[in-house]
């Protein structure tokens, strides 16, 4: 399935906007369980179905995975940073 939007461009844009080193972005593939993953080496992989989602959902997933490059868990600090980057309503 081909989509007009590739995930690597918005990921690199978000990474640059937050002064992050652009991560390695793997090819989109069927992850089967979840929208994305971040390896311990900082490699981001996104599910192909994410490309068909609305841009605010893609942005939330991208920010979520970029934060995992610094914080591996979903603790209070992670959630606070996610809210700070996305706003209280999840919008960017």
N, C-alpha and C. Protein backbone atom coordinates (compact mmCIF):
# COMPACT_ATOMS: atom_id res chain seq x y z
N UNK A 1 0.85 -1.17 0.00
CA UNK A 1 0.00 0.00 0.00
C UNK A 1 0.90 1.24 0.00
N UNK A 2 0.60 2.19 -0.86
CA UNK A 2 1.41 3.40 -0.95
C UNK A 2 0.62 4.59 -0.44
N UNK A 3 1.29 5.45 0.31
CA UNK A 3 0.66 6.65 0.85
C UNK A 3 1.43 7.86 0.35
N UNK A 4 0.73 8.98 0.20
CA UNK A 4 1.38 10.21 -0.24
C UNK A 4 2.31 10.75 0.83
N UNK A 5 2.02 10.44 2.08
CA UNK A 5 2.81 10.96 3.20
C UNK A 5 3.76 9.86 3.66
N UNK A 6 5.03 10.18 3.76
CA UNK A 6 6.01 9.27 4.35
C UNK A 6 6.24 9.72 5.78
N UNK A 7 6.49 8.80 6.66
CA UNK A 7 6.61 9.15 8.07
C UNK A 7 7.95 9.80 8.40
N UNK A 8 9.01 9.51 7.64
CA UNK A 8 10.32 10.02 8.02
C UNK A 8 10.42 11.54 7.96
N UNK A 9 9.75 12.19 7.01
CA UNK A 9 9.81 13.65 6.92
C UNK A 9 9.21 14.33 8.15
N UNK A 10 7.98 13.96 8.58
CA UNK A 10 7.46 14.61 9.79
C UNK A 10 8.24 14.26 11.05
N UNK A 11 8.83 13.07 11.10
CA UNK A 11 9.64 12.71 12.27
C UNK A 11 10.87 13.61 12.34
N UNK A 12 11.55 13.75 11.23
CA UNK A 12 12.75 14.61 11.22
C UNK A 12 12.39 16.07 11.50
N UNK A 13 11.25 16.51 10.98
CA UNK A 13 10.80 17.89 11.25
C UNK A 13 10.58 18.09 12.75
N UNK A 14 9.86 17.17 13.39
CA UNK A 14 9.59 17.28 14.84
C UNK A 14 10.89 17.18 15.62
N UNK A 15 11.79 16.30 15.21
CA UNK A 15 13.06 16.15 15.92
C UNK A 15 13.86 17.45 15.84
N UNK A 16 13.91 18.06 14.67
CA UNK A 16 14.64 19.31 14.50
C UNK A 16 13.98 20.45 15.26
N UNK A 17 12.67 20.46 15.30
CA UNK A 17 11.93 21.53 15.99
C UNK A 17 12.20 21.50 17.49
N UNK A 18 12.55 20.36 18.02
CA UNK A 18 12.81 20.24 19.45
C UNK A 18 14.29 20.03 19.74
N UNK A 19 15.15 20.47 18.80
CA UNK A 19 16.60 20.38 18.97
C UNK A 19 17.06 18.97 19.30
N UNK A 20 16.47 18.01 18.66
CA UNK A 20 16.88 16.63 18.84
C UNK A 20 17.67 16.20 17.61
N UNK A 21 18.62 15.34 17.81
CA UNK A 21 19.34 14.78 16.68
C UNK A 21 18.35 13.91 15.90
N UNK A 22 18.23 14.11 14.61
CA UNK A 22 17.28 13.28 13.86
C UNK A 22 17.59 11.80 14.07
N UNK A 23 16.59 11.04 14.46
CA UNK A 23 16.81 9.63 14.74
C UNK A 23 16.90 8.81 13.47
N UNK A 24 17.35 7.59 13.62
CA UNK A 24 17.25 6.64 12.52
C UNK A 24 15.79 6.28 12.39
N UNK A 25 15.27 6.38 11.21
CA UNK A 25 13.86 6.04 10.99
C UNK A 25 13.81 4.85 10.06
N UNK A 26 13.27 3.76 10.56
CA UNK A 26 13.18 2.55 9.76
C UNK A 26 12.05 2.65 8.76
N UNK A 27 12.03 1.72 7.84
CA UNK A 27 10.92 1.72 6.90
C UNK A 27 9.62 1.39 7.62
N UNK A 28 8.53 1.98 7.14
CA UNK A 28 7.24 1.67 7.72
C UNK A 28 6.94 0.21 7.44
N UNK A 29 6.35 -0.45 8.42
CA UNK A 29 5.99 -1.86 8.24
C UNK A 29 4.82 -2.19 9.14
N UNK A 30 4.25 -3.34 8.94
CA UNK A 30 3.13 -3.78 9.76
C UNK A 30 3.68 -4.26 11.10
N UNK A 31 3.45 -3.49 12.15
CA UNK A 31 3.94 -3.87 13.47
C UNK A 31 2.99 -4.83 14.17
N UNK A 32 1.75 -4.85 13.72
CA UNK A 32 0.78 -5.77 14.28
C UNK A 32 0.25 -5.38 15.64
N UNK A 33 1.05 -4.71 16.45
CA UNK A 33 0.64 -4.37 17.81
C UNK A 33 1.19 -3.00 18.16
N UNK A 34 0.41 -1.97 17.96
CA UNK A 34 0.86 -0.61 18.28
C UNK A 34 1.20 0.18 17.03
N UNK A 35 1.34 1.48 17.23
CA UNK A 35 1.63 2.40 16.12
C UNK A 35 3.11 2.50 15.80
N UNK A 36 3.96 2.33 16.82
CA UNK A 36 5.38 2.57 16.60
C UNK A 36 6.21 1.91 17.68
N UNK A 37 7.52 1.88 17.43
CA UNK A 37 8.44 1.38 18.45
C UNK A 37 9.74 2.16 18.37
N UNK A 38 10.44 2.22 19.49
CA UNK A 38 11.74 2.87 19.58
C UNK A 38 12.71 1.86 20.16
N UNK A 39 13.75 1.51 19.41
CA UNK A 39 14.72 0.54 19.91
C UNK A 39 15.64 1.20 20.93
N UNK A 40 16.38 0.39 21.65
CA UNK A 40 17.34 0.93 22.63
C UNK A 40 18.45 1.72 21.96
N UNK A 41 18.63 1.54 20.67
CA UNK A 41 19.64 2.29 19.91
C UNK A 41 19.07 3.54 19.26
N UNK A 42 17.78 3.82 19.51
CA UNK A 42 17.17 5.03 18.97
C UNK A 42 16.60 4.89 17.58
N UNK A 43 16.42 3.68 17.13
CA UNK A 43 15.82 3.45 15.81
C UNK A 43 14.30 3.45 15.95
N UNK A 44 13.64 4.31 15.20
CA UNK A 44 12.19 4.41 15.26
C UNK A 44 11.58 3.65 14.08
N UNK A 45 10.56 2.87 14.39
CA UNK A 45 9.82 2.14 13.36
C UNK A 45 8.34 2.45 13.55
N UNK A 46 7.67 2.73 12.45
CA UNK A 46 6.26 3.11 12.50
C UNK A 46 5.43 2.14 11.69
N UNK A 47 4.23 1.86 12.18
CA UNK A 47 3.30 0.98 11.49
C UNK A 47 2.79 1.68 10.23
N UNK A 48 2.66 0.93 9.16
CA UNK A 48 2.17 1.51 7.90
C UNK A 48 0.79 2.14 8.06
N UNK A 49 -0.04 1.59 8.93
CA UNK A 49 -1.40 2.13 9.12
C UNK A 49 -1.38 3.53 9.72
N UNK A 50 -0.29 3.91 10.38
CA UNK A 50 -0.21 5.25 10.96
C UNK A 50 -0.26 6.32 9.88
N UNK A 51 0.24 6.01 8.71
CA UNK A 51 0.25 6.98 7.62
C UNK A 51 -1.14 7.39 7.17
N UNK A 52 -2.11 6.53 7.42
CA UNK A 52 -3.49 6.82 7.02
C UNK A 52 -4.26 7.58 8.10
N UNK A 53 -3.64 7.80 9.25
CA UNK A 53 -4.31 8.50 10.35
C UNK A 53 -4.24 10.01 10.15
N UNK A 54 -5.07 10.73 10.89
CA UNK A 54 -5.06 12.18 10.86
C UNK A 54 -3.72 12.70 11.35
N UNK A 55 -3.34 13.88 10.89
CA UNK A 55 -2.01 14.41 11.21
C UNK A 55 -1.79 14.59 12.71
N UNK A 56 -2.82 14.97 13.47
CA UNK A 56 -2.60 15.16 14.91
C UNK A 56 -2.33 13.82 15.60
N UNK A 57 -2.88 12.74 15.09
CA UNK A 57 -2.57 11.43 15.67
C UNK A 57 -1.15 11.04 15.32
N UNK A 58 -0.75 11.24 14.05
CA UNK A 58 0.64 10.96 13.65
C UNK A 58 1.60 11.77 14.50
N UNK A 59 1.30 13.07 14.71
CA UNK A 59 2.19 13.92 15.50
C UNK A 59 2.31 13.42 16.93
N UNK A 60 1.21 13.00 17.53
CA UNK A 60 1.26 12.49 18.90
C UNK A 60 2.14 11.25 18.99
N UNK A 61 2.00 10.36 18.04
CA UNK A 61 2.82 9.14 18.04
C UNK A 61 4.29 9.49 17.83
N UNK A 62 4.57 10.42 16.92
CA UNK A 62 5.95 10.83 16.66
C UNK A 62 6.59 11.42 17.91
N UNK A 63 5.89 12.35 18.55
CA UNK A 63 6.43 12.97 19.77
C UNK A 63 6.63 11.92 20.85
N UNK A 64 5.67 11.03 21.00
CA UNK A 64 5.74 9.95 21.99
C UNK A 64 7.03 9.13 21.77
N UNK A 65 7.29 8.74 20.53
CA UNK A 65 8.47 7.93 20.26
C UNK A 65 9.77 8.72 20.40
N UNK A 66 9.76 9.99 20.01
CA UNK A 66 10.95 10.82 20.21
C UNK A 66 11.28 10.95 21.70
N UNK A 67 10.26 11.08 22.53
CA UNK A 67 10.50 11.15 23.98
C UNK A 67 11.11 9.86 24.52
N UNK A 68 10.76 8.74 23.91
CA UNK A 68 11.35 7.47 24.34
C UNK A 68 12.86 7.42 24.09
N UNK A 69 13.37 8.28 23.25
CA UNK A 69 14.81 8.33 23.03
C UNK A 69 15.52 8.83 24.29
N UNK A 70 14.80 9.56 25.13
CA UNK A 70 15.36 10.09 26.38
C UNK A 70 14.83 9.34 27.60
N UNK A 71 13.59 8.93 27.55
CA UNK A 71 12.95 8.27 28.70
C UNK A 71 12.31 6.96 28.23
N UNK A 72 12.81 5.83 28.69
CA UNK A 72 12.30 4.56 28.18
C UNK A 72 10.94 4.14 28.71
N UNK A 73 10.49 4.71 29.81
CA UNK A 73 9.24 4.26 30.40
C UNK A 73 8.12 5.27 30.18
N UNK A 74 6.95 4.98 30.74
CA UNK A 74 5.80 5.87 30.64
C UNK A 74 5.47 6.47 32.00
N UNK A 75 6.48 6.81 32.76
CA UNK A 75 6.28 7.34 34.10
C UNK A 75 5.77 8.78 34.10
N UNK A 76 5.75 9.36 35.30
CA UNK A 76 5.21 10.72 35.46
C UNK A 76 5.97 11.75 34.66
N UNK A 77 7.30 11.65 34.63
CA UNK A 77 8.11 12.62 33.88
C UNK A 77 7.80 12.51 32.39
N UNK A 78 7.72 11.28 31.90
CA UNK A 78 7.40 11.06 30.49
C UNK A 78 6.06 11.69 30.15
N UNK A 79 5.05 11.41 30.96
CA UNK A 79 3.70 11.93 30.70
C UNK A 79 3.66 13.45 30.76
N UNK A 80 4.41 14.03 31.70
CA UNK A 80 4.45 15.49 31.82
C UNK A 80 5.11 16.10 30.58
N UNK A 81 6.19 15.51 30.11
CA UNK A 81 6.85 16.02 28.91
C UNK A 81 5.97 15.85 27.67
N UNK A 82 5.28 14.75 27.59
CA UNK A 82 4.38 14.53 26.46
C UNK A 82 3.29 15.60 26.44
N UNK A 83 2.71 15.88 27.60
CA UNK A 83 1.69 16.94 27.69
C UNK A 83 2.29 18.30 27.33
N UNK A 84 3.51 18.55 27.77
CA UNK A 84 4.16 19.83 27.50
C UNK A 84 4.40 20.02 25.99
N UNK A 85 4.77 18.95 25.32
CA UNK A 85 5.03 19.04 23.88
C UNK A 85 3.76 19.06 23.05
N UNK A 86 2.72 18.41 23.53
CA UNK A 86 1.49 18.31 22.76
C UNK A 86 0.40 19.28 23.20
N UNK A 87 0.53 19.84 24.37
CA UNK A 87 -0.53 20.67 24.92
C UNK A 87 -1.48 19.79 25.71
N UNK A 88 -2.32 20.39 26.47
CA UNK A 88 -3.22 19.64 27.37
C UNK A 88 -4.25 18.81 26.61
N UNK A 89 -4.59 19.23 25.39
CA UNK A 89 -5.59 18.49 24.63
C UNK A 89 -4.98 17.54 23.61
N UNK A 90 -3.64 17.40 23.63
CA UNK A 90 -2.98 16.49 22.70
C UNK A 90 -2.66 17.10 21.36
N UNK A 91 -3.04 18.35 21.13
CA UNK A 91 -2.77 19.00 19.85
C UNK A 91 -1.39 19.61 19.87
N UNK A 92 -0.81 19.73 18.69
CA UNK A 92 0.52 20.35 18.56
C UNK A 92 0.42 21.73 18.01
